[in-house]
PDB file of all heavy atoms in Angstrom:
ATOM      1  N   GLN A   1     -24.987  -8.590  11.593  1.00  0.00           N
ATOM      2  CA  GLN A   1     -24.868  -7.355  10.772  1.00  0.00           C
ATOM      3  C   GLN A   1     -23.623  -7.445   9.869  1.00  0.00           C
ATOM      4  O   GLN A   1     -23.671  -7.117   8.685  1.00  0.00           O
ATOM      5  CB  GLN A   1     -24.719  -6.161  11.717  1.00  0.00           C
ATOM      6  CG  GLN A   1     -25.399  -4.908  11.203  1.00  0.00           C
ATOM      7  CD  GLN A   1     -25.328  -3.804  12.256  1.00  0.00           C
ATOM      8  OE1 GLN A   1     -24.967  -4.028  13.402  1.00  0.00           O
ATOM      9  NE2 GLN A   1     -25.683  -2.607  11.867  1.00  0.00           N
ATOM     10  N   LEU A   2     -22.527  -7.923  10.448  1.00  0.00           N
ATOM     11  CA  LEU A   2     -21.269  -8.074   9.728  1.00  0.00           C
ATOM     12  C   LEU A   2     -21.422  -9.064   8.575  1.00  0.00           C
ATOM     13  O   LEU A   2     -20.997  -8.814   7.451  1.00  0.00           O
ATOM     14  CB  LEU A   2     -20.180  -8.560  10.704  1.00  0.00           C
ATOM     15  CG  LEU A   2     -18.755  -8.665  10.152  1.00  0.00           C
ATOM     16  CD1 LEU A   2     -18.204  -7.306   9.807  1.00  0.00           C
ATOM     17  CD2 LEU A   2     -17.844  -9.342  11.170  1.00  0.00           C
ATOM     18  N   GLN A   3     -22.091 -10.179   8.882  1.00  0.00           N
ATOM     19  CA  GLN A   3     -22.318 -11.218   7.861  1.00  0.00           C
ATOM     20  C   GLN A   3     -23.165 -10.679   6.705  1.00  0.00           C
ATOM     21  O   GLN A   3     -22.858 -10.891   5.541  1.00  0.00           O
ATOM     22  CB  GLN A   3     -23.015 -12.423   8.518  1.00  0.00           C
ATOM     23  CG  GLN A   3     -23.340 -13.565   7.553  1.00  0.00           C
ATOM     24  CD  GLN A   3     -22.115 -14.221   6.967  1.00  0.00           C
ATOM     25  OE1 GLN A   3     -21.102 -14.330   7.620  1.00  0.00           O
ATOM     26  NE2 GLN A   3     -22.196 -14.625   5.720  1.00  0.00           N
ATOM     27  N   GLU A   4     -24.232  -9.929   7.050  1.00  0.00           N
ATOM     28  CA  GLU A   4     -25.116  -9.365   6.014  1.00  0.00           C
ATOM     29  C   GLU A   4     -24.349  -8.379   5.141  1.00  0.00           C
ATOM     30  O   GLU A   4     -24.469  -8.374   3.921  1.00  0.00           O
ATOM     31  CB  GLU A   4     -26.317  -8.659   6.667  1.00  0.00           C
ATOM     32  CG  GLU A   4     -27.407  -9.644   7.081  1.00  0.00           C
ATOM     33  CD  GLU A   4     -28.492  -8.991   7.946  1.00  0.00           C
ATOM     34  OE1 GLU A   4     -28.470  -7.761   8.086  1.00  0.00           O
ATOM     35  OE2 GLU A   4     -29.342  -9.726   8.451  1.00  0.00           O
ATOM     36  N   HIS A   5     -23.556  -7.532   5.778  1.00  0.00           N
ATOM     37  CA  HIS A   5     -22.756  -6.530   5.057  1.00  0.00           C
ATOM     38  C   HIS A   5     -21.759  -7.229   4.115  1.00  0.00           C
ATOM     39  O   HIS A   5     -21.603  -6.842   2.962  1.00  0.00           O
ATOM     40  CB  HIS A   5     -21.996  -5.673   6.083  1.00  0.00           C
ATOM     41  CG  HIS A   5     -21.186  -4.582   5.463  1.00  0.00           C
ATOM     42  ND1 HIS A   5     -21.743  -3.601   4.666  1.00  0.00           N
ATOM     43  CD2 HIS A   5     -19.843  -4.328   5.518  1.00  0.00           C
ATOM     44  CE1 HIS A   5     -20.775  -2.797   4.251  1.00  0.00           C
ATOM     45  NE2 HIS A   5     -19.617  -3.210   4.746  1.00  0.00           N
ATOM     46  N   PHE A   6     -21.143  -8.271   4.636  1.00  0.00           N
ATOM     47  CA  PHE A   6     -20.177  -9.053   3.866  1.00  0.00           C
ATOM     48  C   PHE A   6     -20.847  -9.700   2.654  1.00  0.00           C
ATOM     49  O   PHE A   6     -20.342  -9.645   1.539  1.00  0.00           O
ATOM     50  CB  PHE A   6     -19.560 -10.119   4.780  1.00  0.00           C
ATOM     51  CG  PHE A   6     -18.653 -11.071   4.058  1.00  0.00           C
ATOM     52  CD1 PHE A   6     -17.411 -10.652   3.607  1.00  0.00           C
ATOM     53  CD2 PHE A   6     -19.039 -12.384   3.837  1.00  0.00           C
ATOM     54  CE1 PHE A   6     -16.577 -11.534   2.953  1.00  0.00           C
ATOM     55  CE2 PHE A   6     -18.206 -13.253   3.176  1.00  0.00           C
ATOM     56  CZ  PHE A   6     -16.975 -12.832   2.735  1.00  0.00           C
ATOM     57  N   ASP A   7     -22.045 -10.305   2.865  1.00  0.00           N
ATOM     58  CA  ASP A   7     -22.801 -10.943   1.772  1.00  0.00           C
ATOM     59  C   ASP A   7     -23.177  -9.928   0.705  1.00  0.00           C
ATOM     60  O   ASP A   7     -23.064 -10.201  -0.488  1.00  0.00           O
ATOM     61  CB  ASP A   7     -24.066 -11.618   2.313  1.00  0.00           C
ATOM     62  CG  ASP A   7     -23.726 -12.891   3.084  1.00  0.00           C
ATOM     63  OD1 ASP A   7     -22.590 -13.387   2.912  1.00  0.00           O
ATOM     64  OD2 ASP A   7     -24.573 -13.377   3.846  1.00  0.00           O
ATOM     65  N   ALA A   8     -23.620  -8.734   1.136  1.00  0.00           N
ATOM     66  CA  ALA A   8     -24.023  -7.678   0.194  1.00  0.00           C
ATOM     67  C   ALA A   8     -22.818  -7.251  -0.654  1.00  0.00           C
ATOM     68  O   ALA A   8     -22.923  -7.093  -1.866  1.00  0.00           O
ATOM     69  CB  ALA A   8     -24.586  -6.481   0.950  1.00  0.00           C
ATOM     70  N   LEU A   9     -21.664  -7.088   0.014  1.00  0.00           N
ATOM     71  CA  LEU A   9     -20.435  -6.695  -0.686  1.00  0.00           C
ATOM     72  C   LEU A   9     -20.035  -7.756  -1.711  1.00  0.00           C
ATOM     73  O   LEU A   9     -19.646  -7.438  -2.830  1.00  0.00           O
ATOM     74  CB  LEU A   9     -19.290  -6.507   0.305  1.00  0.00           C
ATOM     75  CG  LEU A   9     -19.196  -5.136   0.977  1.00  0.00           C
ATOM     76  CD1 LEU A   9     -18.121  -5.170   2.044  1.00  0.00           C
ATOM     77  CD2 LEU A   9     -18.871  -4.039  -0.029  1.00  0.00           C
ATOM     78  N   ARG A  10     -20.161  -9.007  -1.298  1.00  0.00           N
ATOM     79  CA  ARG A  10     -19.778 -10.114  -2.186  1.00  0.00           C
ATOM     80  C   ARG A  10     -20.683 -10.156  -3.418  1.00  0.00           C
ATOM     81  O   ARG A  10     -20.217 -10.319  -4.533  1.00  0.00           O
ATOM     82  CB  ARG A  10     -19.858 -11.438  -1.422  1.00  0.00           C
ATOM     83  CG  ARG A  10     -19.159 -12.570  -2.185  1.00  0.00           C
ATOM     84  CD  ARG A  10     -18.821 -13.735  -1.331  1.00  0.00           C
ATOM     85  NE  ARG A  10     -19.979 -14.236  -0.601  1.00  0.00           N
ATOM     86  CZ  ARG A  10     -19.931 -15.282   0.218  1.00  0.00           C
ATOM     87  NH1 ARG A  10     -18.791 -15.876   0.428  1.00  0.00           N
ATOM     88  NH2 ARG A  10     -20.997 -15.700   0.851  1.00  0.00           N
ATOM     89  N   ARG A  11     -21.987  -9.927  -3.191  1.00  0.00           N
ATOM     90  CA  ARG A  11     -22.950  -9.914  -4.309  1.00  0.00           C
ATOM     91  C   ARG A  11     -22.621  -8.793  -5.282  1.00  0.00           C
ATOM     92  O   ARG A  11     -22.573  -8.977  -6.492  1.00  0.00           O
ATOM     93  CB  ARG A  11     -24.379  -9.741  -3.781  1.00  0.00           C
ATOM     94  CG  ARG A  11     -25.066 -11.081  -3.470  1.00  0.00           C
ATOM     95  CD  ARG A  11     -26.571 -10.870  -3.371  1.00  0.00           C
ATOM     96  NE  ARG A  11     -26.949  -9.845  -2.396  1.00  0.00           N
ATOM     97  CZ  ARG A  11     -27.088 -10.072  -1.094  1.00  0.00           C
ATOM     98  NH1 ARG A  11     -26.867 -11.282  -0.597  1.00  0.00           N
ATOM     99  NH2 ARG A  11     -27.446  -9.094  -0.271  1.00  0.00           N
ATOM    100  N   GLU A  12     -22.387  -7.602  -4.700  1.00  0.00           N
ATOM    101  CA  GLU A  12     -22.087  -6.410  -5.511  1.00  0.00           C
ATOM    102  C   GLU A  12     -20.816  -6.638  -6.345  1.00  0.00           C
ATOM    103  O   GLU A  12     -20.773  -6.327  -7.531  1.00  0.00           O
ATOM    104  CB  GLU A  12     -21.890  -5.215  -4.573  1.00  0.00           C
ATOM    105  CG  GLU A  12     -21.949  -3.867  -5.273  1.00  0.00           C
ATOM    106  CD  GLU A  12     -21.661  -2.721  -4.296  1.00  0.00           C
ATOM    107  OE1 GLU A  12     -22.125  -2.783  -3.131  1.00  0.00           O
ATOM    108  OE2 GLU A  12     -20.957  -1.800  -4.702  1.00  0.00           O
ATOM    109  N   HIS A  13     -19.817  -7.203  -5.691  1.00  0.00           N
ATOM    110  CA  HIS A  13     -18.541  -7.473  -6.348  1.00  0.00           C
ATOM    111  C   HIS A  13     -18.723  -8.449  -7.512  1.00  0.00           C
ATOM    112  O   HIS A  13     -18.210  -8.238  -8.609  1.00  0.00           O
ATOM    113  CB  HIS A  13     -17.585  -8.052  -5.309  1.00  0.00           C
ATOM    114  CG  HIS A  13     -16.294  -8.520  -5.871  1.00  0.00           C
ATOM    115  ND1 HIS A  13     -15.347  -7.651  -6.354  1.00  0.00           N
ATOM    116  CD2 HIS A  13     -15.804  -9.774  -6.055  1.00  0.00           C
ATOM    117  CE1 HIS A  13     -14.319  -8.352  -6.783  1.00  0.00           C
ATOM    118  NE2 HIS A  13     -14.577  -9.628  -6.627  1.00  0.00           N
ATOM    119  N   LYS A  14     -19.515  -9.493  -7.289  1.00  0.00           N
ATOM    120  CA  LYS A  14     -19.772 -10.513  -8.308  1.00  0.00           C
ATOM    121  C   LYS A  14     -20.480  -9.899  -9.508  1.00  0.00           C
ATOM    122  O   LYS A  14     -20.127 -10.139 -10.659  1.00  0.00           O
ATOM    123  CB  LYS A  14     -20.623 -11.627  -7.690  1.00  0.00           C
ATOM    124  CG  LYS A  14     -20.616 -12.901  -8.529  1.00  0.00           C
ATOM    125  CD  LYS A  14     -21.420 -13.977  -7.846  1.00  0.00           C
ATOM    126  CE  LYS A  14     -21.584 -15.193  -8.736  1.00  0.00           C
ATOM    127  NZ  LYS A  14     -22.492 -16.174  -8.167  1.00  0.00           N
ATOM    128  N   GLU A  15     -21.509  -9.062  -9.238  1.00  0.00           N
ATOM    129  CA  GLU A  15     -22.270  -8.421 -10.326  1.00  0.00           C
ATOM    130  C   GLU A  15     -21.368  -7.510 -11.159  1.00  0.00           C
ATOM    131  O   GLU A  15     -21.423  -7.506 -12.376  1.00  0.00           O
ATOM    132  CB  GLU A  15     -23.444  -7.618  -9.751  1.00  0.00           C
ATOM    133  CG  GLU A  15     -24.628  -8.501  -9.370  1.00  0.00           C
ATOM    134  CD  GLU A  15     -25.621  -7.801  -8.438  1.00  0.00           C
ATOM    135  OE1 GLU A  15     -25.601  -6.563  -8.373  1.00  0.00           O
ATOM    136  OE2 GLU A  15     -26.413  -8.502  -7.787  1.00  0.00           O
ATOM    137  N   THR A  16     -20.526  -6.715 -10.461  1.00  0.00           N
ATOM    138  CA  THR A  16     -19.606  -5.798 -11.173  1.00  0.00           C
ATOM    139  C   THR A  16     -18.668  -6.576 -12.077  1.00  0.00           C
ATOM    140  O   THR A  16     -18.454  -6.207 -13.232  1.00  0.00           O
ATOM    141  CB  THR A  16     -18.775  -4.981 -10.159  1.00  0.00           C
ATOM    142  OG1 THR A  16     -19.679  -4.392  -9.213  1.00  0.00           O
ATOM    143  CG2 THR A  16     -17.994  -3.882 -10.826  1.00  0.00           C
ATOM    144  N   LEU A  17     -18.118  -7.660 -11.554  1.00  0.00           N
ATOM    145  CA  LEU A  17     -17.190  -8.473 -12.344  1.00  0.00           C
ATOM    146  C   LEU A  17     -17.873  -9.078 -13.558  1.00  0.00           C
ATOM    147  O   LEU A  17     -17.327  -9.072 -14.660  1.00  0.00           O
ATOM    148  CB  LEU A  17     -16.606  -9.596 -11.476  1.00  0.00           C
ATOM    149  CG  LEU A  17     -15.445  -9.203 -10.568  1.00  0.00           C
ATOM    150  CD1 LEU A  17     -15.078 -10.350  -9.665  1.00  0.00           C
ATOM    151  CD2 LEU A  17     -14.224  -8.786 -11.365  1.00  0.00           C
ATOM    152  N   GLN A  18     -19.117  -9.580 -13.368  1.00  0.00           N
ATOM    153  CA  GLN A  18     -19.859 -10.165 -14.486  1.00  0.00           C
ATOM    154  C   GLN A  18     -20.119  -9.124 -15.567  1.00  0.00           C
ATOM    155  O   GLN A  18     -19.970  -9.388 -16.753  1.00  0.00           O
ATOM    156  CB  GLN A  18     -21.180 -10.756 -13.994  1.00  0.00           C
ATOM    157  CG  GLN A  18     -20.998 -12.118 -13.330  1.00  0.00           C
ATOM    158  CD  GLN A  18     -22.269 -12.609 -12.665  1.00  0.00           C
ATOM    159  OE1 GLN A  18     -23.223 -11.859 -12.497  1.00  0.00           O
ATOM    160  NE2 GLN A  18     -22.294 -13.862 -12.294  1.00  0.00           N
ATOM    161  N   GLU A  19     -20.489  -7.920 -15.139  1.00  0.00           N
ATOM    162  CA  GLU A  19     -20.776  -6.815 -16.067  1.00  0.00           C
ATOM    163  C   GLU A  19     -19.515  -6.467 -16.873  1.00  0.00           C
ATOM    164  O   GLU A  19     -19.561  -6.292 -18.082  1.00  0.00           O
ATOM    165  CB  GLU A  19     -21.255  -5.589 -15.262  1.00  0.00           C
ATOM    166  CG  GLU A  19     -21.904  -4.498 -16.108  1.00  0.00           C
ATOM    167  CD  GLU A  19     -23.004  -5.007 -17.013  1.00  0.00           C
ATOM    168  OE1 GLU A  19     -23.910  -5.722 -16.544  1.00  0.00           O
ATOM    169  OE2 GLU A  19     -22.940  -4.709 -18.212  1.00  0.00           O
ATOM    170  N   LEU A  20     -18.377  -6.383 -16.169  1.00  0.00           N
ATOM    171  CA  LEU A  20     -17.099  -6.089 -16.827  1.00  0.00           C
ATOM    172  C   LEU A  20     -16.751  -7.153 -17.867  1.00  0.00           C
ATOM    173  O   LEU A  20     -16.331  -6.842 -18.970  1.00  0.00           O
ATOM    174  CB  LEU A  20     -15.986  -6.042 -15.780  1.00  0.00           C
ATOM    175  CG  LEU A  20     -15.660  -4.666 -15.187  1.00  0.00           C
ATOM    176  CD1 LEU A  20     -14.698  -4.840 -14.033  1.00  0.00           C
ATOM    177  CD2 LEU A  20     -15.025  -3.752 -16.226  1.00  0.00           C
ATOM    178  N   GLN A  21     -16.960  -8.411 -17.475  1.00  0.00           N
ATOM    179  CA  GLN A  21     -16.642  -9.507 -18.390  1.00  0.00           C
ATOM    180  C   GLN A  21     -17.528  -9.458 -19.630  1.00  0.00           C
ATOM    181  O   GLN A  21     -17.060  -9.650 -20.740  1.00  0.00           O
ATOM    182  CB  GLN A  21     -16.827 -10.854 -17.681  1.00  0.00           C
ATOM    183  CG  GLN A  21     -15.600 -11.236 -16.857  1.00  0.00           C
ATOM    184  CD  GLN A  21     -15.801 -12.518 -16.106  1.00  0.00           C
ATOM    185  OE1 GLN A  21     -16.851 -12.747 -15.509  1.00  0.00           O
ATOM    186  NE2 GLN A  21     -14.822 -13.377 -16.110  1.00  0.00           N
ATOM    187  N   ARG A  22     -18.829  -9.155 -19.410  1.00  0.00           N
ATOM    188  CA  ARG A  22     -19.768  -9.058 -20.541  1.00  0.00           C
ATOM    189  C   ARG A  22     -19.326  -7.970 -21.509  1.00  0.00           C
ATOM    190  O   ARG A  22     -19.263  -8.161 -22.718  1.00  0.00           O
ATOM    191  CB  ARG A  22     -21.180  -8.760 -20.036  1.00  0.00           C
ATOM    192  CG  ARG A  22     -22.034 -10.032 -19.892  1.00  0.00           C
ATOM    193  CD  ARG A  22     -23.505  -9.664 -19.867  1.00  0.00           C
ATOM    194  NE  ARG A  22     -23.856  -8.773 -18.776  1.00  0.00           N
ATOM    195  CZ  ARG A  22     -24.144  -9.178 -17.544  1.00  0.00           C
ATOM    196  NH1 ARG A  22     -24.123 -10.469 -17.246  1.00  0.00           N
ATOM    197  NH2 ARG A  22     -24.457  -8.322 -16.603  1.00  0.00           N
ATOM    198  N   ALA A  23     -18.981  -6.803 -20.952  1.00  0.00           N
ATOM    199  CA  ALA A  23     -18.548  -5.662 -21.773  1.00  0.00           C
ATOM    200  C   ALA A  23     -17.281  -6.015 -22.570  1.00  0.00           C
ATOM    201  O   ALA A  23     -17.176  -5.707 -23.744  1.00  0.00           O
ATOM    202  CB  ALA A  23     -18.288  -4.448 -20.894  1.00  0.00           C
ATOM    203  N   HIS A  24     -16.348  -6.689 -21.893  1.00  0.00           N
ATOM    204  CA  HIS A  24     -15.104  -7.102 -22.536  1.00  0.00           C
ATOM    205  C   HIS A  24     -15.382  -8.017 -23.725  1.00  0.00           C
ATOM    206  O   HIS A  24     -14.858  -7.831 -24.810  1.00  0.00           O
ATOM    207  CB  HIS A  24     -14.228  -7.869 -21.540  1.00  0.00           C
ATOM    208  CG  HIS A  24     -13.104  -7.045 -21.014  1.00  0.00           C
ATOM    209  ND1 HIS A  24     -13.267  -6.146 -19.999  1.00  0.00           N
ATOM    210  CD2 HIS A  24     -11.800  -6.968 -21.383  1.00  0.00           C
ATOM    211  CE1 HIS A  24     -12.103  -5.575 -19.752  1.00  0.00           C
ATOM    212  NE2 HIS A  24     -11.204  -6.044 -20.577  1.00  0.00           N
ATOM    213  N   GLU A  25     -16.226  -9.042 -23.479  1.00  0.00           N
ATOM    214  CA  GLU A  25     -16.555 -10.017 -24.517  1.00  0.00           C
ATOM    215  C   GLU A  25     -17.189  -9.335 -25.717  1.00  0.00           C
ATOM    216  O   GLU A  25     -16.851  -9.608 -26.855  1.00  0.00           O
ATOM    217  CB  GLU A  25     -17.520 -11.087 -23.956  1.00  0.00           C
ATOM    218  CG  GLU A  25     -16.844 -12.153 -23.123  1.00  0.00           C
ATOM    219  CD  GLU A  25     -15.774 -12.937 -23.872  1.00  0.00           C
ATOM    220  OE1 GLU A  25     -15.967 -13.255 -25.055  1.00  0.00           O
ATOM    221  OE2 GLU A  25     -14.724 -13.209 -23.275  1.00  0.00           O
ATOM    222  N   GLU A  26     -18.142  -8.408 -25.419  1.00  0.00           N
ATOM    223  CA  GLU A  26     -18.858  -7.701 -26.480  1.00  0.00           C
ATOM    224  C   GLU A  26     -17.880  -6.918 -27.356  1.00  0.00           C
ATOM    225  O   GLU A  26     -17.913  -6.989 -28.580  1.00  0.00           O
ATOM    226  CB  GLU A  26     -19.870  -6.733 -25.852  1.00  0.00           C
ATOM    227  CG  GLU A  26     -21.290  -6.974 -26.354  1.00  0.00           C
ATOM    228  CD  GLU A  26     -22.304  -6.201 -25.505  1.00  0.00           C
ATOM    229  OE1 GLU A  26     -22.488  -5.014 -25.779  1.00  0.00           O
ATOM    230  OE2 GLU A  26     -22.868  -6.802 -24.581  1.00  0.00           O
ATOM    231  N   GLU A  27     -17.016  -6.131 -26.689  1.00  0.00           N
ATOM    232  CA  GLU A  27     -16.050  -5.301 -27.420  1.00  0.00           C
ATOM    233  C   GLU A  27     -15.117  -6.172 -28.250  1.00  0.00           C
ATOM    234  O   GLU A  27     -14.806  -5.870 -29.388  1.00  0.00           O
ATOM    235  CB  GLU A  27     -15.229  -4.451 -26.437  1.00  0.00           C
ATOM    236  CG  GLU A  27     -14.468  -3.346 -27.157  1.00  0.00           C
ATOM    237  CD  GLU A  27     -13.652  -2.463 -26.226  1.00  0.00           C
ATOM    238  OE1 GLU A  27     -13.823  -2.545 -24.988  1.00  0.00           O
ATOM    239  OE2 GLU A  27     -12.858  -1.687 -26.749  1.00  0.00           O
ATOM    240  N   LYS A  28     -14.712  -7.300 -27.678  1.00  0.00           N
ATOM    241  CA  LYS A  28     -13.801  -8.208 -28.367  1.00  0.00           C
ATOM    242  C   LYS A  28     -14.448  -8.758 -29.647  1.00  0.00           C
ATOM    243  O   LYS A  28     -13.850  -8.754 -30.715  1.00  0.00           O
ATOM    244  CB  LYS A  28     -13.438  -9.358 -27.415  1.00  0.00           C
ATOM    245  CG  LYS A  28     -12.245 -10.181 -27.879  1.00  0.00           C
ATOM    246  CD  LYS A  28     -11.835 -11.165 -26.819  1.00  0.00           C
ATOM    247  CE  LYS A  28     -12.719 -12.399 -26.859  1.00  0.00           C
ATOM    248  NZ  LYS A  28     -12.352 -13.404 -25.881  1.00  0.00           N
ATOM    249  N   LEU A  29     -15.728  -9.192 -29.527  1.00  0.00           N
ATOM    250  CA  LEU A  29     -16.445  -9.744 -30.678  1.00  0.00           C
ATOM    251  C   LEU A  29     -16.634  -8.698 -31.767  1.00  0.00           C
ATOM    252  O   LEU A  29     -16.434  -8.970 -32.949  1.00  0.00           O
ATOM    253  CB  LEU A  29     -17.810 -10.297 -30.240  1.00  0.00           C
ATOM    254  CG  LEU A  29     -17.767 -11.596 -29.436  1.00  0.00           C
ATOM    255  CD1 LEU A  29     -19.144 -11.936 -28.891  1.00  0.00           C
ATOM    256  CD2 LEU A  29     -17.286 -12.756 -30.301  1.00  0.00           C
ATOM    257  N   LEU A  30     -17.023  -7.465 -31.357  1.00  0.00           N
ATOM    258  CA  LEU A  30     -17.236  -6.380 -32.326  1.00  0.00           C
ATOM    259  C   LEU A  30     -15.958  -6.072 -33.088  1.00  0.00           C
ATOM    260  O   LEU A  30     -15.963  -5.934 -34.312  1.00  0.00           O
ATOM    261  CB  LEU A  30     -17.725  -5.114 -31.613  1.00  0.00           C
ATOM    262  CG  LEU A  30     -19.208  -5.091 -31.217  1.00  0.00           C
ATOM    263  CD1 LEU A  30     -19.488  -3.883 -30.341  1.00  0.00           C
ATOM    264  CD2 LEU A  30     -20.107  -5.035 -32.444  1.00  0.00           C
ATOM    265  N   LEU A  31     -14.849  -5.966 -32.351  1.00  0.00           N
ATOM    266  CA  LEU A  31     -13.558  -5.665 -32.972  1.00  0.00           C
ATOM    267  C   LEU A  31     -13.133  -6.775 -33.928  1.00  0.00           C
ATOM    268  O   LEU A  31     -12.685  -6.508 -35.041  1.00  0.00           O
ATOM    269  CB  LEU A  31     -12.483  -5.483 -31.892  1.00  0.00           C
ATOM    270  CG  LEU A  31     -12.426  -4.123 -31.211  1.00  0.00           C
ATOM    271  CD1 LEU A  31     -11.436  -4.167 -30.068  1.00  0.00           C
ATOM    272  CD2 LEU A  31     -12.007  -3.019 -32.171  1.00  0.00           C
ATOM    273  N   ALA A  32     -13.306  -8.016 -33.495  1.00  0.00           N
ATOM    274  CA  ALA A  32     -12.897  -9.159 -34.320  1.00  0.00           C
ATOM    275  C   ALA A  32     -13.702  -9.192 -35.619  1.00  0.00           C
ATOM    276  O   ALA A  32     -13.149  -9.401 -36.701  1.00  0.00           O
ATOM    277  CB  ALA A  32     -13.086 -10.457 -33.541  1.00  0.00           C
ATOM    278  N   GLU A  33     -15.034  -8.975 -35.527  1.00  0.00           N
ATOM    279  CA  GLU A  33     -15.911  -8.995 -36.708  1.00  0.00           C
ATOM    280  C   GLU A  33     -15.552  -7.864 -37.659  1.00  0.00           C
ATOM    281  O   GLU A  33     -15.419  -8.053 -38.868  1.00  0.00           O
ATOM    282  CB  GLU A  33     -17.379  -8.889 -36.243  1.00  0.00           C
ATOM    283  CG  GLU A  33     -18.408  -8.909 -37.366  1.00  0.00           C
ATOM    284  CD  GLU A  33     -18.308 -10.117 -38.277  1.00  0.00           C
ATOM    285  OE1 GLU A  33     -17.827 -11.177 -37.833  1.00  0.00           O
ATOM    286  OE2 GLU A  33     -18.684  -9.998 -39.457  1.00  0.00           O
ATOM    287  N   SER A  34     -15.359  -6.660 -37.107  1.00  0.00           N
ATOM    288  CA  SER A  34     -15.013  -5.488 -37.926  1.00  0.00           C
ATOM    289  C   SER A  34     -13.686  -5.732 -38.647  1.00  0.00           C
ATOM    290  O   SER A  34     -13.536  -5.432 -39.821  1.00  0.00           O
ATOM    291  CB  SER A  34     -14.911  -4.262 -37.015  1.00  0.00           C
ATOM    292  OG  SER A  34     -14.168  -3.262 -37.628  1.00  0.00           O
TER     293      SER A  34
END
């Protein structure tokens, strides 16, 4: 149960970080182009 919970947390954390990075990159490109 502990291992499953840990894996789920790790997945969630990874997805959140990827989403944040995508948003950052997008905003950076838009600002640079403008």
